[in-house]
Protein backbone atom coordinates (compact mmCIF):
# COMPACT_ATOMS: atom_id res chain seq x y z
CA MET A 1 -1.57 35.17 15.25
CA GLN A 2 -1.77 36.51 11.72
CA THR A 3 0.71 34.14 10.62
CA LYS A 4 -1.37 31.43 11.85
CA GLN A 5 -4.49 32.63 10.30
CA LYS A 6 -2.58 32.79 6.92
CA VAL A 7 -1.18 29.57 7.09
CA SER A 8 -4.67 28.04 8.01
CA THR A 9 -6.01 29.99 5.11
CA LEU A 10 -3.43 28.46 2.72
CA LEU A 11 -3.77 25.09 3.91
CA GLY A 12 -7.38 25.40 3.34
CA ILE A 13 -6.96 26.58 -0.54
CA LEU A 14 -4.22 23.92 -0.68
CA ALA A 15 -6.74 21.12 0.23
CA LEU A 16 -9.22 22.63 -1.95
CA PHE A 17 -6.82 22.55 -4.90
CA LEU A 18 -5.55 19.41 -4.39
CA PHE A 19 -8.70 17.75 -4.12
CA LEU A 20 -9.66 18.79 -7.65
CA PHE A 21 -7.10 16.24 -8.99
CA PRO A 22 -8.34 13.44 -10.94
CA SER A 23 -8.02 10.01 -8.79
CA ILE A 24 -5.91 7.54 -10.25
CA SER A 25 -6.61 3.84 -8.95
CA SER A 26 -3.69 2.08 -7.53
CA ALA A 27 -2.94 -0.96 -5.52
CA HIS A 28 -1.22 -4.41 -6.46
CA ALA A 29 -3.80 -6.33 -8.21
CA TYR A 30 -4.92 -9.81 -7.03
CA ILE A 31 -6.89 -12.48 -8.05
CA LYS A 32 -10.62 -12.61 -7.13
CA LYS A 33 -11.57 -15.53 -9.01
CA SER A 34 -10.31 -17.77 -11.85
CA THR A 35 -12.15 -20.11 -14.23
CA PRO A 36 -11.40 -22.44 -13.84
CA LEU A 37 -10.19 -22.36 -9.95
CA GLU A 38 -6.86 -23.34 -8.76
CA ASN A 39 -6.54 -27.33 -8.76
CA GLU A 40 -10.12 -27.27 -9.81
CA LYS A 41 -11.00 -30.82 -11.62
CA VAL A 42 -13.68 -30.18 -14.22
CA GLU A 43 -15.28 -32.82 -16.43
CA LYS A 44 -14.69 -31.13 -19.88
CA ALA A 45 -12.31 -28.54 -20.96
CA PRO A 46 -13.91 -25.00 -20.89
CA ALA A 47 -14.19 -22.91 -23.99
CA GLU A 48 -12.07 -20.25 -22.50
CA VAL A 49 -10.27 -19.31 -19.21
CA THR A 50 -10.77 -16.42 -17.21
CA ILE A 51 -9.22 -14.27 -14.23
CA LYS A 52 -10.71 -11.73 -12.68
CA PHE A 53 -8.61 -9.62 -10.36
CA ASP A 54 -9.70 -6.93 -7.55
CA GLU A 55 -9.26 -3.98 -9.65
CA SER A 56 -9.12 -2.60 -13.29
CA ILE A 57 -5.54 -3.89 -14.89
CA GLN A 58 -3.63 -1.88 -17.25
CA PRO A 59 -3.66 -2.34 -21.16
CA ALA A 60 0.24 -2.68 -21.24
CA PHE A 61 2.40 -5.71 -20.50
CA ASN A 62 -0.33 -8.02 -19.79
CA SER A 63 -0.68 -12.00 -20.91
CA ILE A 64 -2.27 -15.00 -20.62
CA LYS A 65 -1.33 -18.40 -21.62
CA VAL A 66 -2.47 -22.21 -21.03
CA PHE A 67 -0.07 -25.25 -21.26
CA ASP A 68 -0.67 -28.56 -20.90
CA SER A 69 1.66 -31.41 -19.38
CA LYS A 70 3.94 -31.29 -21.98
CA GLY A 71 4.59 -27.79 -22.14
CA ASN A 72 2.45 -27.34 -25.28
CA ARG A 73 0.42 -24.30 -25.67
CA VAL A 74 -3.21 -25.11 -26.03
CA ASP A 75 -4.93 -21.61 -26.18
CA LYS A 76 -5.98 -19.80 -28.88
CA ASN A 77 -3.24 -17.05 -28.48
CA ASN A 78 -6.14 -14.61 -28.14
CA GLY A 79 -5.33 -13.41 -24.59
CA GLN A 80 -6.80 -9.87 -23.47
CA ILE A 81 -8.35 -7.86 -21.31
CA ASP A 82 -12.09 -7.84 -21.30
CA PRO A 83 -13.46 -4.36 -23.01
CA LYS A 84 -16.31 -4.77 -20.75
CA GLN A 85 -14.66 -5.74 -17.44
CA PRO A 86 -10.98 -4.28 -17.39
CA SER A 87 -10.70 -6.09 -14.21
CA ILE A 88 -10.69 -9.44 -16.07
CA LEU A 89 -8.16 -11.24 -18.23
CA LYS A 90 -9.17 -14.17 -20.43
CA SER A 91 -8.33 -16.27 -23.31
CA GLY A 92 -9.87 -18.86 -25.36
CA LEU A 93 -8.85 -22.55 -25.68
CA LYS A 94 -8.52 -24.85 -28.30
CA LYS A 95 -11.42 -27.45 -29.09
CA ASP A 96 -11.58 -30.89 -27.71
CA LEU A 97 -8.43 -30.78 -25.13
CA PRO A 98 -7.90 -34.33 -23.88
CA ASN A 99 -8.00 -35.31 -20.19
CA GLY A 100 -4.92 -34.07 -18.36
CA SER A 101 -3.22 -31.46 -16.15
CA TYR A 102 -2.92 -27.64 -17.36
CA ARG A 103 -1.59 -24.54 -16.51
CA ILE A 104 -2.69 -20.98 -16.76
CA LYS A 105 0.55 -18.78 -16.81
CA TRP A 106 -0.45 -15.21 -16.57
CA LYS A 107 0.92 -11.78 -15.89
CA VAL A 108 -0.76 -8.57 -15.29
CA VAL A 109 0.56 -4.83 -14.24
CA SER A 110 -1.89 -3.33 -11.44
CA SER A 111 -3.00 0.16 -11.50
CA ASP A 112 0.07 1.41 -9.36
CA GLY A 113 2.58 0.04 -11.87
CA HIS A 114 3.61 -3.24 -10.27
CA PRO A 115 3.63 -6.52 -12.30
CA VAL A 116 1.99 -9.48 -10.80
CA GLU A 117 2.32 -12.96 -12.58
CA GLY A 118 1.64 -16.43 -11.73
CA VAL A 119 0.43 -20.01 -12.38
CA ILE A 120 -3.23 -21.67 -12.02
CA PRO A 121 -3.36 -25.36 -12.47
CA PHE A 122 -6.41 -26.93 -13.17
CA GLN A 123 -7.55 -30.84 -14.10
CA VAL A 124 -9.61 -32.12 -17.09
CA GLY A 125 -11.13 -35.35 -16.67
CA ASP A 126 -10.62 -37.77 -13.68
CA GLU A 127 -6.99 -38.88 -14.54
CA VAL A 128 -5.13 -37.64 -11.48
CA GLN A 129 -1.72 -35.70 -12.11
CA ASN A 130 -0.09 -34.38 -8.87
CA SER A 131 2.28 -32.25 -10.84
CA ALA A 132 -0.32 -29.63 -11.57
CA ALA A 133 -0.98 -28.63 -7.87
CA SER A 134 2.73 -28.21 -7.17
CA ASP A 135 2.80 -25.68 -10.16
CA LYS A 136 0.69 -23.03 -8.46
CA GLU A 137 2.41 -19.68 -7.61
CA THR A 138 1.87 -16.21 -7.86
CA LYS A 139 4.51 -13.73 -7.74
CA GLY A 140 4.53 -9.81 -6.68
CA TYR A 141 6.59 -7.20 -7.27
CA LYS A 142 9.38 -7.07 -4.72
CA PRO A 143 11.34 -3.69 -4.23
CA LYS A 144 15.00 -3.58 -5.65
CA ALA A 145 17.68 -1.44 -4.88
CA ASP A 146 17.28 0.87 -8.01
CA LEU A 147 13.36 1.47 -6.89
CA ILE A 148 14.34 2.04 -3.21
CA VAL A 149 17.27 4.35 -4.03
CA ILE A 150 15.26 6.46 -6.33
CA ARG A 151 11.98 6.72 -4.87
CA TRP A 152 13.67 7.68 -1.41
CA LEU A 153 15.54 10.34 -3.07
CA GLN A 154 12.37 11.58 -4.33
CA TYR A 155 10.66 11.70 -0.99
CA ILE A 156 13.60 13.16 0.44
CA SER A 157 13.90 15.88 -1.78
CA ASN A 158 10.30 16.32 -2.03
CA ALA A 159 10.13 16.51 1.99
CA CYS A 160 12.89 18.78 2.03
CA TYR A 161 11.60 21.24 -0.67
CA VAL A 162 8.14 21.48 1.02
CA GLY A 163 9.71 21.47 4.87
CA LEU A 164 12.06 24.08 4.24
CA ILE A 165 9.47 26.45 2.62
CA PHE A 166 7.24 26.07 5.84
CA PHE A 167 10.43 26.07 8.16
CA TYR A 168 11.73 29.38 6.62
CA MET A 169 8.15 31.10 6.39
CA VAL A 170 6.58 29.90 9.70
CA VAL A 171 9.25 28.53 12.16
CA MET A 172 12.13 31.01 11.55
CA PRO A 173 11.97 34.44 13.06
CA LYS A 174 11.69 37.62 10.99
CA LYS A 175 14.93 38.66 12.18
CA LEU A 176 16.75 35.57 11.05
CA ARG A 177 15.04 35.91 7.59
CA GLU A 178 16.48 39.64 6.97
CA ILE A 179 20.19 37.95 7.44
CA GLU A 180 21.67 38.00 4.12
CA SER A 181 23.93 34.88 4.99
CA VAL A 182 20.69 33.06 6.06
CA VAL A 183 18.63 33.86 2.81
CA LYS A 184 21.74 32.75 0.57
CA LYS A 185 21.89 29.35 2.43
CA PHE A 186 18.16 28.94 2.26
CA ARG A 187 18.08 29.41 -1.47
CA ARG A 188 20.92 26.96 -1.75
CA LEU A 189 19.34 24.58 -0.01
CA ILE A 190 16.10 24.88 -1.88
CA ASN A 191 17.84 24.89 -5.33
CA ALA A 192 19.86 21.43 -4.10
CA SER A 193 16.30 19.88 -3.09
CA LEU A 194 14.59 20.90 -6.49
CA THR A 195 17.55 19.86 -8.51
CA LEU A 196 17.45 16.39 -6.52
CA LEU A 197 13.56 16.23 -7.05
CA PHE A 198 14.02 16.76 -10.50
CA PHE A 199 16.33 14.40 -11.33
CA SER A 200 14.59 11.74 -9.31
CA ILE A 201 11.47 11.92 -11.15
CA LEU A 202 13.46 11.88 -14.56
CA LEU A 203 14.78 8.58 -13.32
CA SER A 204 11.51 7.31 -12.28
CA LEU A 205 10.05 6.94 -15.67
CA PRO A 206 12.86 4.54 -16.78
CA LEU A 207 12.45 3.02 -13.56
CA GLN A 208 8.92 2.00 -14.02
CA THR A 209 9.42 0.93 -17.48
CA THR A 210 11.99 -1.74 -15.99
CA ILE A 211 9.15 -2.69 -13.42
CA GLU A 212 6.39 -3.10 -15.66
CA SER A 213 8.33 -4.62 -18.76
CA GLY A 214 10.52 -6.78 -16.79
CA LEU A 215 13.55 -5.92 -18.82
CA PRO A 216 16.72 -4.48 -17.45
CA TRP A 217 17.88 -0.71 -17.61
CA SER A 218 19.98 -1.40 -20.61
CA GLU A 219 16.72 -2.07 -22.91
CA VAL A 220 14.37 0.11 -21.64
CA PHE A 221 15.23 3.47 -23.50
CA SER A 222 13.32 2.63 -26.36
CA PHE A 223 10.64 5.11 -27.90
CA THR A 224 8.14 2.25 -28.26
CA LEU A 225 8.23 1.44 -24.60
CA ILE A 226 8.59 4.46 -22.99
CA GLU A 227 5.37 5.66 -25.03
CA SER A 228 3.73 2.58 -24.08
CA ILE A 229 4.11 3.55 -20.43
CA LEU A 230 3.28 7.47 -20.79
CA THR A 231 0.11 6.55 -22.80
CA ASN A 232 -1.24 2.96 -21.47
CA THR A 233 -0.46 3.26 -18.08
CA ASN A 234 -1.76 5.19 -15.08
CA TYR A 235 1.89 5.94 -13.74
CA GLY A 236 2.94 7.49 -17.24
CA HIS A 237 -0.05 9.83 -16.68
CA SER A 238 0.76 10.77 -13.06
CA TRP A 239 4.51 11.17 -14.35
CA LEU A 240 3.43 13.66 -17.13
CA LEU A 241 1.47 15.72 -14.23
CA GLN A 242 4.66 15.68 -12.30
CA ILE A 243 6.95 17.02 -14.81
CA ALA A 244 4.53 19.97 -15.49
CA LEU A 245 4.53 20.73 -11.73
CA LEU A 246 8.08 20.55 -11.88
CA ILE A 247 8.64 22.56 -14.78
CA THR A 248 6.50 25.31 -12.94
CA LEU A 249 8.09 24.84 -9.93
CA VAL A 250 11.57 25.58 -11.47
CA LEU A 251 10.10 28.88 -12.91
CA LEU A 252 8.74 30.25 -9.35
CA THR A 253 11.74 29.02 -7.51
CA SER A 254 14.04 31.10 -10.10
CA PHE A 255 12.22 34.19 -8.98
CA ILE A 256 12.06 33.94 -5.29
CA GLY A 257 15.04 36.65 -5.13
CA MET A 258 12.46 39.14 -6.02
CA ALA A 259 11.05 41.95 -3.80
CA GLU A 260 10.02 40.70 -0.16
CA SER A 261 5.98 41.13 -1.05
CA THR A 262 6.56 39.23 -3.99
CA LYS A 263 8.99 36.80 -2.67
CA ARG A 264 6.35 35.70 0.09
CA ILE A 265 3.56 35.14 -2.61
CA LEU A 266 6.20 32.87 -4.62
CA LEU A 267 7.32 30.93 -1.47
CA TRP A 268 3.90 29.90 -0.89
CA ALA A 269 2.74 29.17 -4.36
CA CYS A 270 5.72 26.93 -4.46
CA PHE A 271 5.04 25.25 -1.10
CA ILE A 272 1.31 24.73 -2.64
CA LEU A 273 2.75 22.78 -5.97
CA GLY A 274 5.52 21.17 -3.80
CA ASN A 275 2.48 19.36 -1.77
CA ALA A 276 0.90 18.87 -5.15
CA LEU A 277 3.72 16.58 -5.92
CA LEU A 278 2.94 14.94 -2.64
CA TRP A 279 -0.64 14.35 -3.80
CA THR A 280 0.49 12.52 -6.98
CA LYS A 281 2.34 10.07 -4.69
CA SER A 282 -0.96 9.30 -2.91
CA MET A 283 -2.84 9.06 -6.06
CA THR A 284 -0.37 6.22 -6.91
CA SER A 285 -0.42 4.33 -3.45
CA HIS A 286 -2.62 1.79 -2.15
CA ALA A 287 -4.93 4.55 -0.77
CA ALA A 288 -6.47 4.96 -4.28
CA SER A 289 -7.43 1.26 -4.47
CA GLN A 290 -10.27 1.72 -1.87
CA LEU A 291 -13.86 2.08 -2.49
CA ASN A 292 -13.90 5.60 -0.50
CA GLN A 293 -11.08 6.81 -2.65
CA PHE A 294 -11.61 10.80 -1.44
CA LEU A 295 -11.03 9.74 2.36
CA THR A 296 -8.10 7.17 1.70
CA ILE A 297 -6.21 9.54 -0.82
CA ALA A 298 -6.68 12.36 1.75
CA MET A 299 -5.40 10.55 4.65
CA ASP A 300 -2.55 9.03 2.71
CA PHE A 301 -1.50 12.54 1.64
CA PHE A 302 -1.85 14.14 5.07
CA HIS A 303 0.24 11.37 6.09
CA LEU A 304 2.89 12.38 3.65
CA PHE A 305 2.32 16.15 4.07
CA GLY A 306 2.82 15.62 7.97
CA ALA A 307 6.00 13.83 7.48
CA SER A 308 7.58 16.08 4.89
CA ILE A 309 6.96 19.12 7.45
CA TRP A 310 8.67 17.55 10.07
CA ILE A 311 11.82 16.16 7.87
CA GLY A 312 12.06 19.19 5.69
CA SER A 313 11.96 21.29 9.30
CA LEU A 314 14.79 19.08 10.46
CA ILE A 315 16.76 19.78 7.38
CA GLY A 316 16.48 23.58 8.13
CA PHE A 317 17.43 23.07 12.02
CA VAL A 318 20.82 21.20 11.11
CA GLY A 319 21.14 23.25 7.96
CA PHE A 320 21.23 26.47 10.21
CA LEU A 321 23.10 24.90 13.09
CA SER A 322 26.07 27.33 13.02
CA LEU A 323 23.49 30.06 14.11
CA ARG A 324 23.65 28.43 17.67
CA LYS A 325 27.31 29.51 17.72
CA ASN A 326 26.41 33.07 17.42
CA THR A 327 26.07 34.76 20.62
CA ASP A 328 23.62 37.52 19.29
CA LEU A 329 21.42 34.57 17.19
CA LYS A 330 21.76 31.65 19.92
CA GLN A 331 18.44 32.65 21.57
CA ASP A 332 16.61 33.11 18.50
CA TYR A 333 17.79 29.79 17.00
CA LEU A 334 16.37 28.19 20.49
CA ARG A 335 13.34 30.25 19.91
CA MET A 336 12.72 28.05 16.56
CA ILE A 337 12.66 24.75 18.50
CA LYS A 338 10.16 26.21 20.81
CA ASN A 339 8.08 27.63 17.78
CA PHE A 340 8.48 23.89 16.00
CA SER A 341 7.53 22.03 19.06
CA LYS A 342 3.73 23.48 19.04
CA TRP A 343 3.24 22.24 15.06
CA GLY A 344 5.76 19.22 16.20
CA LEU A 345 2.56 18.28 18.39
CA ILE A 346 -0.11 18.66 15.49
CA ILE A 347 2.47 16.44 13.40
CA VAL A 348 2.80 13.68 15.70
CA LEU A 349 -0.93 13.37 16.15
CA LEU A 350 -1.69 13.63 12.61
CA LEU A 351 0.93 10.98 11.81
CA THR A 352 -0.37 8.71 14.51
CA PHE A 353 -3.99 9.22 13.81
CA THR A 354 -3.37 8.66 9.51
CA GLY A 355 -0.90 5.92 10.24
CA ILE A 356 -3.47 4.23 12.44
CA TYR A 357 -6.30 4.86 9.75
CA SER A 358 -3.96 3.15 6.86
CA SER A 359 -2.96 0.26 9.07
CA LEU A 360 -6.63 -0.59 9.51
CA LEU A 361 -7.16 -0.69 6.01
CA TYR A 362 -4.22 -2.84 5.05
CA ILE A 363 -3.87 -5.03 8.24
CA PRO A 364 -6.51 -7.30 8.46
CA THR A 365 -5.46 -9.68 11.61
CA LEU A 366 -2.76 -9.46 14.15
CA ALA A 367 -1.22 -12.28 12.68
CA ALA A 368 -0.61 -10.44 9.32
CA LEU A 369 2.02 -8.29 11.19
CA VAL A 370 3.97 -11.15 11.60
CA GLN A 371 2.98 -13.37 8.74
CA THR A 372 3.44 -10.77 5.79
CA ASN A 373 6.17 -8.93 4.48
CA TYR A 374 3.98 -5.88 4.83
CA GLY A 375 3.47 -6.01 8.57
CA GLN A 376 7.16 -6.77 9.27
CA VAL A 377 8.08 -3.51 7.60
CA LEU A 378 5.24 -1.83 9.09
CA VAL A 379 6.42 -2.76 12.53
CA GLY A 380 9.63 -1.69 11.96
CA LYS A 381 8.45 1.86 10.84
CA VAL A 382 6.22 2.06 13.71
CA SER A 383 9.25 1.45 15.99
CA LEU A 384 11.47 3.84 14.18
CA PHE A 385 8.52 6.34 14.51
CA ALA A 386 8.71 5.80 18.03
CA LEU A 387 12.17 6.39 18.49
CA MET A 388 12.12 9.65 16.50
CA VAL A 389 9.24 10.84 18.73
CA LEU A 390 11.40 9.87 21.72
CA ILE A 391 14.49 12.07 20.33
CA ALA A 392 12.24 14.81 19.36
CA ALA A 393 10.97 15.25 22.96
CA VAL A 394 14.95 15.38 24.12
CA ASN A 395 15.29 18.10 21.59
CA PHE A 396 11.95 20.04 22.76
CA LEU A 397 13.57 19.81 26.31
CA LYS A 398 16.76 21.31 25.23
CA GLY A 399 14.99 24.01 23.45
CA ARG A 400 12.98 24.84 26.48
CA LYS A 401 15.84 25.01 28.77
CA GLY A 402 17.74 27.21 26.69
CA THR A 403 20.61 24.65 26.34
CA THR A 404 22.49 23.84 23.10
CA LYS A 405 24.84 21.29 24.52
CA GLY A 406 24.35 18.09 22.66
CA LEU A 407 21.75 19.74 20.81
CA GLY A 408 23.40 19.23 17.25
CA ALA A 409 23.81 15.51 17.50
CA SER A 410 20.49 14.96 18.76
CA LEU A 411 18.82 16.90 16.02
CA LYS A 412 20.84 14.80 13.50
CA GLY A 413 19.60 11.89 15.41
CA GLU A 414 16.01 12.76 15.04
CA LEU A 415 16.70 13.47 11.32
CA LEU A 416 18.73 10.15 10.47
CA MET A 417 15.50 8.32 12.12
CA GLY A 418 13.34 10.34 9.52
CA LEU A 419 15.31 9.32 6.56
CA MET A 420 15.38 5.87 7.73
CA ILE A 421 11.45 5.88 8.06
CA LEU A 422 11.10 7.13 4.24
CA ILE A 423 13.27 4.28 3.38
CA LEU A 424 10.51 1.98 4.85
CA SER A 425 7.88 4.11 3.35
CA VAL A 426 8.93 3.63 0.05
CA VAL A 427 9.36 -0.54 0.82
CA LEU A 428 5.76 -0.45 2.26
CA THR A 429 4.35 1.44 -1.01
CA ASN A 430 5.78 -0.91 -3.16
CA LEU A 431 4.64 -4.12 -1.35
CA PRO A 432 1.47 -6.27 -1.70
CA THR A 433 -0.70 -5.23 1.26
CA ALA A 434 -1.37 -7.88 4.11
CA MET A 435 -5.08 -8.26 2.76
CA GLN A 436 -3.72 -10.39 0.03
CA SER A 437 -2.57 -13.13 2.52
CA PRO A 438 -4.45 -12.66 5.88
CA GLY A 439 -2.99 -16.10 6.87
CA PRO A 440 -5.02 -19.08 8.57
CA TYR A 441 -8.30 -18.18 9.81
CA LYS A 442 -9.27 -19.30 13.36
CA GLU A 443 -12.39 -17.92 15.62
CA THR A 444 -14.34 -18.93 18.46
CA ASN A 445 -18.13 -17.80 19.02
CA ILE A 446 -19.91 -18.63 22.26
CA VAL A 447 -23.66 -19.59 21.60
CA ASN A 448 -26.26 -21.35 23.35
CA GLN A 449 -25.50 -20.69 27.03
CA GLY A 450 -21.84 -21.20 26.93
CA LYS A 451 -21.16 -23.69 24.22
CA GLN A 452 -17.92 -23.08 22.00
CA ILE A 453 -17.94 -23.27 18.30
CA THR A 454 -14.33 -22.99 16.69
CA LEU A 455 -13.98 -22.29 12.98
CA LYS A 456 -10.42 -22.89 11.41
CA ALA A 457 -9.55 -22.41 7.72
CA THR A 458 -6.32 -23.22 6.40
CA PRO A 459 -4.41 -21.83 4.45
CA ASN A 460 -7.63 -19.39 4.04
CA ILE A 461 -6.97 -18.58 0.25
CA ILE A 462 -8.92 -18.90 -2.73
CA GLY A 463 -8.79 -22.71 -4.00
CA ARG A 464 -8.55 -25.41 -1.92
CA ASN A 465 -8.69 -25.37 1.91
CA LEU A 466 -9.06 -27.31 5.11
CA PHE A 467 -12.14 -26.27 7.45
CA GLU A 468 -12.23 -27.72 11.00
CA VAL A 469 -14.95 -27.05 13.45
CA THR A 470 -14.37 -27.94 16.84
CA LEU A 471 -17.42 -28.42 19.50
CA LYS A 472 -17.10 -27.79 23.43
CA ASP A 473 -19.61 -27.55 25.88
CA ARG A 474 -19.57 -24.68 28.68
CA ALA A 475 -16.91 -26.91 30.84
CA GLY A 476 -14.78 -27.09 27.76
CA GLN A 477 -15.17 -30.82 27.26
CA PRO A 478 -16.20 -32.02 23.54
CA ILE A 479 -19.80 -32.32 22.62
CA LYS A 480 -20.63 -35.94 21.56
CA ASP A 481 -24.32 -36.48 20.70
CA ILE A 482 -23.97 -34.75 17.20
CA GLU A 483 -26.28 -35.98 14.34
CA GLN A 484 -25.03 -33.59 11.86
CA LEU A 485 -23.11 -30.52 10.94
CA HIS A 486 -22.59 -28.59 7.94
CA LEU A 487 -21.27 -25.20 6.75
CA THR A 488 -22.81 -22.74 4.32
CA PHE A 489 -20.51 -20.30 2.29
CA THR A 490 -21.58 -16.96 1.04
CA MET A 491 -19.91 -14.46 -0.80
CA LEU A 492 -20.62 -11.08 0.87
CA GLU A 493 -19.03 -8.86 -1.89
CA MET A 494 -20.78 -10.26 -4.62
CA ASP A 495 -23.86 -12.74 -5.24
CA MET A 496 -22.60 -16.04 -5.78
CA GLY A 497 -25.27 -17.82 -4.26
CA LYS A 498 -24.87 -20.20 -1.42
CA GLU A 499 -22.89 -23.61 -0.91
CA THR A 500 -23.64 -25.81 1.87
CA VAL A 501 -21.16 -28.99 2.49
CA ASN A 502 -21.38 -31.65 5.32
CA LEU A 503 -18.63 -32.48 7.32
CA ALA A 504 -17.14 -35.60 8.62
CA LYS A 505 -16.28 -36.45 12.35
CA THR A 506 -12.64 -36.96 12.85
CA SER A 507 -12.91 -37.09 16.66
CA GLU A 508 -15.04 -36.35 19.65
CA GLY A 509 -16.20 -32.78 19.00
CA LYS A 510 -13.91 -32.52 15.94
CA TYR A 511 -15.15 -32.38 11.94
CA GLU A 512 -13.62 -31.36 8.97
CA VAL A 513 -13.98 -31.03 5.11
CA LYS A 514 -11.88 -29.95 2.33
CA GLY A 515 -12.84 -28.23 -0.59
CA LEU A 516 -12.84 -25.43 -3.14
CA HIS A 517 -15.36 -23.68 -1.04
CA PHE A 518 -13.78 -20.52 -1.23
CA SER A 519 -13.93 -19.63 -4.93
CA MET A 520 -13.04 -15.82 -4.69
CA ALA A 521 -10.84 -13.48 -2.45
CA GLY A 522 -12.49 -11.22 -0.18
CA LYS A 523 -15.16 -11.36 2.55
CA TRP A 524 -17.02 -14.77 3.11
CA ASN A 525 -20.02 -15.57 5.59
CA VAL A 526 -19.73 -19.26 6.91
CA HIS A 527 -22.83 -20.05 8.99
CA VAL A 528 -22.49 -23.34 11.18
CA HIS A 529 -25.18 -25.43 11.71
CA VAL A 530 -25.00 -28.21 14.16
CA LEU A 531 -27.91 -30.64 14.94
CA THR A 532 -27.65 -32.78 18.22
CA LYS A 533 -29.18 -36.20 18.62
CA SER A 534 -31.98 -34.46 21.09
CA LEU A 535 -32.84 -32.34 17.78
CA GLU A 536 -31.25 -29.09 19.48
CA SER A 537 -30.16 -26.53 16.98
CA ILE A 538 -26.57 -24.70 17.37
CA ASP A 539 -26.35 -21.98 14.88
CA THR A 540 -23.31 -19.30 14.64
CA ASP A 541 -21.89 -17.09 11.66
CA PHE A 542 -18.07 -16.49 10.89
CA ASN A 543 -16.93 -13.60 9.08
CA VAL A 544 -13.78 -14.64 6.99
CA LEU A 545 -11.54 -12.46 5.00
CA VAL A 546 -9.96 -14.88 2.32
CA GLY A 547 -6.82 -14.18 0.92
CA SER A 548 -5.33 -14.56 -2.48
CA GLN A 549 -1.71 -15.83 -1.72
């Protein structure tokens, strides 16, 4: 009972300590609006082009250039981030540009350190040149082998360090902690995890430099580049904090072999600082891009915390498997499994709750689970998590029955599932969320005593879209006596006024219009107004999440 009270007190102190860290904004930046819009036709060339992103962009490694159809630059070579609005990238254009097609080629680094680049075509004058539309593209950073390996090792070593201390202090019986061979093995495991953590964080700086600059490893070991990362990027600031925490951890860990009373204090101090490193990961994840950063960062941290306790404890179980072969210590080993099962249930509930919370933030529709890379990786992670819980249940039953037959294999299998989940976690953290590409929109509202109004928007991104409205009566038959039908578009996240457009009839009960009516990514209200020949009004509203790509 005293142990649980101490753990609760320490976790409370840990939460208070970590919440005092400054927040660092993070997520893959994506375009909210550009001027001109993608494929927009303007009568006269603007004085400057601007691109507004969903978040502040970093001052390092950004560019914006404008080219004509022959590949000649037509901007004033003065591209910069707006000093008053750090989410806007802009550049002036040369005077008196002739009619024709133009391309805005841009590149920025989002707050989480991921580069995003693309091309926005637009048209000046009435001259039609289809080549501009085909040039449109947006490319976000996709995780590569070097990132996956280094970040995965960082996750594993951090989880091993934090989870092993928890395993040793909370799960392991006092009798085992007094055995010299157990203490020596624990210290070897702790030192190994800290060494791996140190080198993985050390390598993460040149790794981040390759990501943000786009240069290969052979060219990033430059004082100028490294200095730019450390001083001008959020990741650099976070990395310096991680190094400070690491140095402190190395010093504290070297004193663990002191007297028992001091040793306990040092271990809990190391536990808190190890979790502080987890907190820095949450500060550079998708969570920090949300409006309520305090809640989302905390939820992301507790997700990492739960996973670290589980995986680190599994490493402890596997590392001390030899104890089950000792007749005098076999029951103590099985008692550890029983002890951990109580915590395991809490961890599973914590991971499930925080995982669902995050999914609701980053997965706007069920279709996004299939249509986006983020959704597909998330489905894989959830499937492995379910399998890991199943194996954990088997291990719990073995511990309860007091049998060690096949226990080693099932514990290793559970650990393997956890390590695979960490790989997918690394990929998820470095992929654009599904909010950027929710996919085509289609929704049906029932109004006026059973009439069915269906709105479809394709591809549902900023720029040109096809809007289709289908009208059916209560029996599911097309409504024919339509006098007029129009849509009114209102941006819900910013006051941009209202735009109303009429739709043309394509067949009985079906109407459509094409246009640049979604001029900004985010949440829109689309109001459908129908007037029948008998002067009956049919009105309904649709809330549409518009993607950027």
